[in-house]
Structure formats: C-alpha cells, structure tokens
Amino acid sequence: QVQLVESGGGLVQPGGSLRLSCAASGYIFSINGMGWYRQAPGKQRELVAQITNRGSTNYAGSVKGRFTISRDNAKNTVFLQMNSLRPEDTAVYYCNSPVLSKRLPWGQGTQVTVSS
C-alpha cells in the first residue's frame, strides 16, 4: 500500500526557514519524479517544486531562489528547504508525483504558517 507522509511544518516568522520532509512507502521512489504542492485556504492546490529521478529541479516563480527541493533515494524521502519565508507561503504542503498519471493517494500534508 502506497503511503506519503509529510512532516516538518510549523509556525515561523517572516524571513525564517523550515525544512519539510516527505517519506514514501510502498512506492518505487528512485525511478520517479516527485513534487511539492501547497494549498492555501480558499485556493487551489499548486505545484511549487519538482525533482526528476535524476535530480533535475524546477520551481514555481513565486518560490524560485528561496526554496530548494532535494531527494534521498536510499531513504525514499524528498525534502523541501524553505528560506526567506513570507506570509503568502502559508499553506498546507503536500508531496506527490508531478505527473497526473502517476499521482498517488494524497497524504495528510503538513501545515506551514508564516506570521509575526
């Protein structure tokens, strides 16, 4: 049974940093790309960062230069380092495949709140 478990969220002041983790079980992690999504209240879920199985990355314009996605295939884990956080980064963050046909059941997500 495939399961995605996100962690690492919390409350942080503007300008602060957080590192999110996503552990994938029951999934051939190493040969697939992964992405981080976020959903703010009243807004659609959006893809903010993605990484291929070979480590190539791509970012949404709103987070480029502030967020870094990485992966550890041996641990079936993908990370999102978030720096220079802004109030508009407040959302629930999820990981999943960036390819619709390979989408997995969504995990519970991890809440990130940026506020002073």
N, C-alpha and C. Protein backbone atom coordinates (compact mmCIF):
# COMPACT_ATOMS: atom_id res chain seq x y z
N GLN A 1 0.84 -1.19 0.00
CA GLN A 1 0.00 0.00 0.00
C GLN A 1 0.88 1.24 0.00
N VAL A 2 0.66 2.12 -0.98
CA VAL A 2 1.46 3.32 -1.09
C VAL A 2 1.01 4.35 -0.05
N GLN A 3 1.99 4.96 0.59
CA GLN A 3 1.67 5.97 1.59
C GLN A 3 2.69 7.09 1.53
N LEU A 4 2.21 8.33 1.57
CA LEU A 4 3.06 9.51 1.63
C LEU A 4 2.84 10.18 2.97
N VAL A 5 3.92 10.47 3.67
CA VAL A 5 3.82 11.10 4.99
C VAL A 5 4.70 12.34 5.01
N GLU A 6 4.05 13.50 5.11
CA GLU A 6 4.76 14.78 5.15
C GLU A 6 4.97 15.21 6.60
N SER A 7 6.08 15.91 6.85
CA SER A 7 6.36 16.42 8.19
C SER A 7 7.28 17.63 8.10
N GLY A 8 7.43 18.31 9.23
CA GLY A 8 8.38 19.41 9.31
C GLY A 8 7.77 20.79 9.30
N GLY A 9 6.45 20.87 9.14
CA GLY A 9 5.81 22.18 9.15
C GLY A 9 5.77 22.80 10.53
N GLY A 10 5.28 24.04 10.57
CA GLY A 10 5.17 24.73 11.85
C GLY A 10 4.91 26.19 11.66
N LEU A 11 5.04 26.92 12.77
CA LEU A 11 4.86 28.37 12.77
C LEU A 11 6.23 29.02 12.74
N VAL A 12 6.41 29.95 11.81
CA VAL A 12 7.70 30.61 11.67
C VAL A 12 7.45 32.09 11.35
N GLN A 13 8.37 32.93 11.78
CA GLN A 13 8.25 34.35 11.49
C GLN A 13 8.67 34.65 10.06
N PRO A 14 8.18 35.72 9.49
CA PRO A 14 8.65 36.11 8.15
C PRO A 14 10.16 36.22 8.11
N GLY A 15 10.73 35.69 7.03
CA GLY A 15 12.18 35.67 6.90
C GLY A 15 12.82 34.41 7.44
N GLY A 16 12.04 33.59 8.13
CA GLY A 16 12.56 32.36 8.71
C GLY A 16 12.65 31.22 7.72
N SER A 17 13.05 30.05 8.26
CA SER A 17 13.26 28.88 7.42
C SER A 17 12.60 27.65 8.04
N LEU A 18 12.23 26.74 7.17
CA LEU A 18 11.74 25.42 7.56
C LEU A 18 12.23 24.39 6.56
N ARG A 19 12.35 23.16 7.03
CA ARG A 19 12.69 22.07 6.14
C ARG A 19 11.62 21.00 6.25
N LEU A 20 10.95 20.74 5.14
CA LEU A 20 9.90 19.74 5.09
C LEU A 20 10.46 18.41 4.59
N SER A 21 9.86 17.33 5.07
CA SER A 21 10.25 16.00 4.62
C SER A 21 9.01 15.25 4.17
N CYS A 22 9.20 14.36 3.21
CA CYS A 22 8.12 13.51 2.74
C CYS A 22 8.68 12.10 2.57
N ALA A 23 8.15 11.18 3.33
CA ALA A 23 8.58 9.79 3.25
C ALA A 23 7.55 9.00 2.45
N ALA A 24 8.05 8.25 1.48
CA ALA A 24 7.18 7.43 0.62
C ALA A 24 7.40 5.96 0.92
N SER A 25 6.34 5.24 1.16
CA SER A 25 6.45 3.80 1.39
C SER A 25 5.59 3.06 0.39
N GLY A 26 6.03 1.86 0.07
CA GLY A 26 5.27 1.04 -0.88
C GLY A 26 5.29 1.60 -2.28
N TYR A 27 6.35 2.30 -2.62
CA TYR A 27 6.43 3.00 -3.91
C TYR A 27 7.84 2.93 -4.44
N ILE A 28 7.95 2.71 -5.76
CA ILE A 28 9.27 2.66 -6.37
C ILE A 28 9.77 4.08 -6.51
N PHE A 29 10.31 4.59 -5.45
CA PHE A 29 10.63 6.00 -5.35
C PHE A 29 11.74 6.42 -6.29
N SER A 30 12.77 5.62 -6.41
CA SER A 30 14.00 6.05 -7.06
C SER A 30 13.86 6.30 -8.56
N ILE A 31 12.86 5.72 -9.20
CA ILE A 31 12.76 5.88 -10.65
C ILE A 31 11.69 6.89 -11.03
N ASN A 32 11.15 7.58 -10.05
CA ASN A 32 10.07 8.51 -10.34
C ASN A 32 10.38 9.92 -9.85
N GLY A 33 9.87 10.88 -10.58
CA GLY A 33 9.97 12.25 -10.12
C GLY A 33 9.00 12.50 -8.97
N MET A 34 9.29 13.54 -8.18
CA MET A 34 8.42 13.91 -7.09
C MET A 34 8.28 15.42 -7.05
N GLY A 35 7.20 15.86 -6.43
CA GLY A 35 6.98 17.29 -6.34
C GLY A 35 6.41 17.68 -4.99
N TRP A 36 6.56 18.96 -4.69
CA TRP A 36 5.92 19.53 -3.50
C TRP A 36 4.81 20.47 -3.98
N TYR A 37 3.65 20.31 -3.38
CA TYR A 37 2.49 21.13 -3.67
C TYR A 37 2.11 21.91 -2.39
N ARG A 38 1.33 22.93 -2.58
CA ARG A 38 0.77 23.62 -1.42
C ARG A 38 -0.64 24.08 -1.74
N GLN A 39 -1.43 24.17 -0.67
CA GLN A 39 -2.80 24.65 -0.82
C GLN A 39 -3.10 25.62 0.31
N ALA A 40 -3.32 26.86 -0.06
CA ALA A 40 -3.69 27.89 0.90
C ALA A 40 -5.22 27.92 1.04
N PRO A 41 -5.72 28.43 2.16
CA PRO A 41 -7.18 28.48 2.35
C PRO A 41 -7.88 29.20 1.21
N GLY A 42 -8.89 28.56 0.65
CA GLY A 42 -9.66 29.16 -0.42
C GLY A 42 -9.00 29.16 -1.78
N LYS A 43 -7.85 28.50 -1.89
CA LYS A 43 -7.13 28.48 -3.17
C LYS A 43 -6.92 27.04 -3.63
N GLN A 44 -6.65 26.90 -4.91
CA GLN A 44 -6.37 25.58 -5.47
C GLN A 44 -4.97 25.11 -5.09
N ARG A 45 -4.82 23.82 -5.06
CA ARG A 45 -3.51 23.24 -4.82
C ARG A 45 -2.60 23.57 -5.99
N GLU A 46 -1.36 23.97 -5.68
CA GLU A 46 -0.41 24.33 -6.73
C GLU A 46 0.92 23.60 -6.52
N LEU A 47 1.55 23.30 -7.64
CA LEU A 47 2.87 22.67 -7.61
C LEU A 47 3.91 23.76 -7.47
N VAL A 48 4.75 23.67 -6.46
CA VAL A 48 5.75 24.72 -6.23
C VAL A 48 7.17 24.26 -6.54
N ALA A 49 7.44 22.97 -6.51
CA ALA A 49 8.79 22.47 -6.79
C ALA A 49 8.69 21.02 -7.23
N GLN A 50 9.59 20.64 -8.13
CA GLN A 50 9.62 19.25 -8.56
C GLN A 50 11.05 18.83 -8.85
N ILE A 51 11.27 17.53 -8.73
CA ILE A 51 12.61 16.98 -8.95
C ILE A 51 12.46 15.66 -9.71
N THR A 52 13.28 15.48 -10.73
CA THR A 52 13.22 14.26 -11.51
C THR A 52 13.98 13.14 -10.79
N ASN A 53 13.89 11.94 -11.34
CA ASN A 53 14.60 10.83 -10.73
C ASN A 53 16.11 11.02 -10.83
N ARG A 54 16.53 11.87 -11.76
CA ARG A 54 17.96 12.13 -11.90
C ARG A 54 18.42 13.36 -11.15
N GLY A 55 17.48 14.05 -10.48
CA GLY A 55 17.87 15.18 -9.67
C GLY A 55 17.70 16.55 -10.29
N SER A 56 17.18 16.62 -11.50
CA SER A 56 16.90 17.93 -12.09
C SER A 56 15.70 18.55 -11.40
N THR A 57 15.77 19.86 -11.20
CA THR A 57 14.73 20.54 -10.43
C THR A 57 14.06 21.65 -11.23
N ASN A 58 12.86 21.99 -10.79
CA ASN A 58 12.13 23.11 -11.39
C ASN A 58 11.25 23.71 -10.31
N TYR A 59 11.06 25.05 -10.39
CA TYR A 59 10.35 25.74 -9.32
C TYR A 59 9.31 26.70 -9.89
N ALA A 60 8.26 26.92 -9.13
CA ALA A 60 7.32 27.98 -9.47
C ALA A 60 8.00 29.32 -9.24
N GLY A 61 7.59 30.30 -10.03
CA GLY A 61 8.22 31.60 -9.93
C GLY A 61 8.15 32.22 -8.55
N SER A 62 7.07 31.93 -7.83
CA SER A 62 6.85 32.54 -6.52
C SER A 62 7.83 32.05 -5.45
N VAL A 63 8.48 30.91 -5.69
CA VAL A 63 9.39 30.35 -4.68
C VAL A 63 10.82 30.22 -5.19
N LYS A 64 11.03 30.49 -6.45
CA LYS A 64 12.36 30.32 -7.04
C LYS A 64 13.36 31.20 -6.33
N GLY A 65 14.50 30.60 -5.98
CA GLY A 65 15.53 31.34 -5.27
C GLY A 65 15.39 31.29 -3.77
N ARG A 66 14.24 30.82 -3.28
CA ARG A 66 14.01 30.73 -1.82
C ARG A 66 13.84 29.28 -1.37
N PHE A 67 13.26 28.44 -2.22
CA PHE A 67 13.01 27.05 -1.87
C PHE A 67 13.97 26.15 -2.64
N THR A 68 14.35 25.04 -2.02
CA THR A 68 15.21 24.04 -2.66
C THR A 68 14.64 22.65 -2.40
N ILE A 69 14.38 21.93 -3.48
CA ILE A 69 13.90 20.56 -3.36
C ILE A 69 15.08 19.61 -3.54
N SER A 70 15.08 18.54 -2.77
CA SER A 70 16.13 17.53 -2.88
C SER A 70 15.53 16.16 -2.52
N ARG A 71 16.31 15.12 -2.76
CA ARG A 71 15.79 13.78 -2.50
C ARG A 71 16.90 12.87 -2.01
N ASP A 72 16.51 11.87 -1.23
CA ASP A 72 17.42 10.82 -0.78
C ASP A 72 16.76 9.50 -1.18
N ASN A 73 17.19 8.94 -2.29
CA ASN A 73 16.55 7.74 -2.81
C ASN A 73 16.71 6.55 -1.85
N ALA A 74 17.84 6.49 -1.17
CA ALA A 74 18.08 5.38 -0.24
C ALA A 74 17.06 5.38 0.89
N LYS A 75 16.55 6.57 1.23
CA LYS A 75 15.59 6.68 2.32
C LYS A 75 14.17 6.92 1.82
N ASN A 76 13.99 6.87 0.50
CA ASN A 76 12.65 7.12 -0.07
C ASN A 76 12.06 8.42 0.46
N THR A 77 12.86 9.45 0.49
CA THR A 77 12.43 10.71 1.09
C THR A 77 12.76 11.88 0.17
N VAL A 78 11.85 12.83 0.10
CA VAL A 78 12.08 14.07 -0.62
C VAL A 78 11.93 15.21 0.38
N PHE A 79 12.76 16.24 0.20
CA PHE A 79 12.82 17.36 1.13
C PHE A 79 12.47 18.67 0.41
N LEU A 80 12.05 19.63 1.20
CA LEU A 80 11.87 20.99 0.70
C LEU A 80 12.44 21.95 1.73
N GLN A 81 13.57 22.55 1.39
CA GLN A 81 14.17 23.58 2.24
C GLN A 81 13.56 24.92 1.84
N MET A 82 12.95 25.57 2.81
CA MET A 82 12.26 26.83 2.54
C MET A 82 12.94 27.94 3.34
N ASN A 83 13.49 28.91 2.64
CA ASN A 83 14.16 30.05 3.26
C ASN A 83 13.41 31.33 2.92
N SER A 84 13.72 32.38 3.66
CA SER A 84 13.12 33.70 3.42
C SER A 84 11.60 33.59 3.30
N LEU A 85 11.01 32.90 4.23
CA LEU A 85 9.57 32.64 4.16
C LEU A 85 8.77 33.93 4.30
N ARG A 86 7.65 33.95 3.59
CA ARG A 86 6.76 35.10 3.55
C ARG A 86 5.36 34.68 4.04
N PRO A 87 4.57 35.62 4.49
CA PRO A 87 3.20 35.27 4.90
C PRO A 87 2.42 34.55 3.80
N GLU A 88 2.66 34.91 2.55
CA GLU A 88 1.93 34.27 1.45
C GLU A 88 2.37 32.83 1.20
N ASP A 89 3.41 32.37 1.89
CA ASP A 89 3.79 30.95 1.81
C ASP A 89 2.95 30.08 2.75
N THR A 90 2.13 30.71 3.57
CA THR A 90 1.27 29.97 4.48
C THR A 90 0.32 29.06 3.71
N ALA A 91 0.36 27.77 4.03
CA ALA A 91 -0.44 26.77 3.32
C ALA A 91 -0.21 25.41 3.95
N VAL A 92 -1.00 24.44 3.51
CA VAL A 92 -0.69 23.05 3.81
C VAL A 92 0.15 22.52 2.64
N TYR A 93 1.26 21.90 2.96
CA TYR A 93 2.20 21.42 1.95
C TYR A 93 2.10 19.89 1.84
N TYR A 94 2.07 19.44 0.59
CA TYR A 94 1.95 18.02 0.26
C TYR A 94 3.04 17.62 -0.74
N CYS A 95 3.39 16.35 -0.73
CA CYS A 95 4.26 15.83 -1.78
C CYS A 95 3.45 14.83 -2.62
N ASN A 96 3.84 14.68 -3.86
CA ASN A 96 3.21 13.73 -4.76
C ASN A 96 3.93 13.78 -6.09
N SER A 97 3.55 12.87 -6.96
CA SER A 97 4.14 12.87 -8.29
C SER A 97 3.67 14.11 -9.05
N PRO A 98 4.56 14.74 -9.82
CA PRO A 98 4.14 15.87 -10.65
C PRO A 98 3.45 15.43 -11.93
N VAL A 99 3.40 14.13 -12.17
CA VAL A 99 2.78 13.57 -13.37
C VAL A 99 1.39 13.03 -12.99
N LEU A 100 0.37 13.55 -13.63
CA LEU A 100 -1.01 13.21 -13.26
C LEU A 100 -1.25 11.71 -13.30
N SER A 101 -0.73 11.03 -14.32
CA SER A 101 -0.99 9.60 -14.48
C SER A 101 -0.28 8.76 -13.41
N LYS A 102 0.67 9.38 -12.70
CA LYS A 102 1.41 8.66 -11.65
C LYS A 102 1.05 9.18 -10.26
N ARG A 103 -0.01 9.96 -10.17
CA ARG A 103 -0.40 10.55 -8.90
C ARG A 103 -0.75 9.46 -7.90
N LEU A 104 -0.30 9.65 -6.66
CA LEU A 104 -0.54 8.70 -5.58
C LEU A 104 -1.62 9.24 -4.65
N PRO A 105 -2.15 8.41 -3.76
CA PRO A 105 -3.10 8.94 -2.77
C PRO A 105 -2.42 10.05 -1.97
N TRP A 106 -3.13 11.15 -1.77
CA TRP A 106 -2.55 12.27 -1.04
C TRP A 106 -2.36 11.94 0.43
N GLY A 107 -1.25 12.43 0.98
CA GLY A 107 -1.04 12.30 2.40
C GLY A 107 -1.82 13.37 3.15
N GLN A 108 -1.55 13.47 4.45
CA GLN A 108 -2.28 14.44 5.27
C GLN A 108 -1.73 15.86 5.15
N GLY A 109 -0.55 15.97 4.58
CA GLY A 109 0.07 17.28 4.44
C GLY A 109 0.68 17.76 5.75
N THR A 110 1.41 18.87 5.66
CA THR A 110 1.99 19.49 6.85
C THR A 110 1.74 21.00 6.77
N GLN A 111 1.25 21.56 7.84
CA GLN A 111 0.88 22.96 7.86
C GLN A 111 2.09 23.86 8.07
N VAL A 112 2.22 24.85 7.20
CA VAL A 112 3.24 25.89 7.34
C VAL A 112 2.52 27.21 7.54
N THR A 113 2.83 27.88 8.62
CA THR A 113 2.24 29.19 8.91
C THR A 113 3.36 30.19 9.11
N VAL A 114 3.32 31.24 8.30
CA VAL A 114 4.34 32.30 8.38
C VAL A 114 3.65 33.56 8.91
N SER A 115 4.00 33.92 10.12
CA SER A 115 3.33 35.04 10.76
C SER A 115 4.20 35.60 11.89
N SER A 116 4.08 36.90 12.09
CA SER A 116 4.80 37.52 13.20
C SER A 116 3.90 37.60 14.43
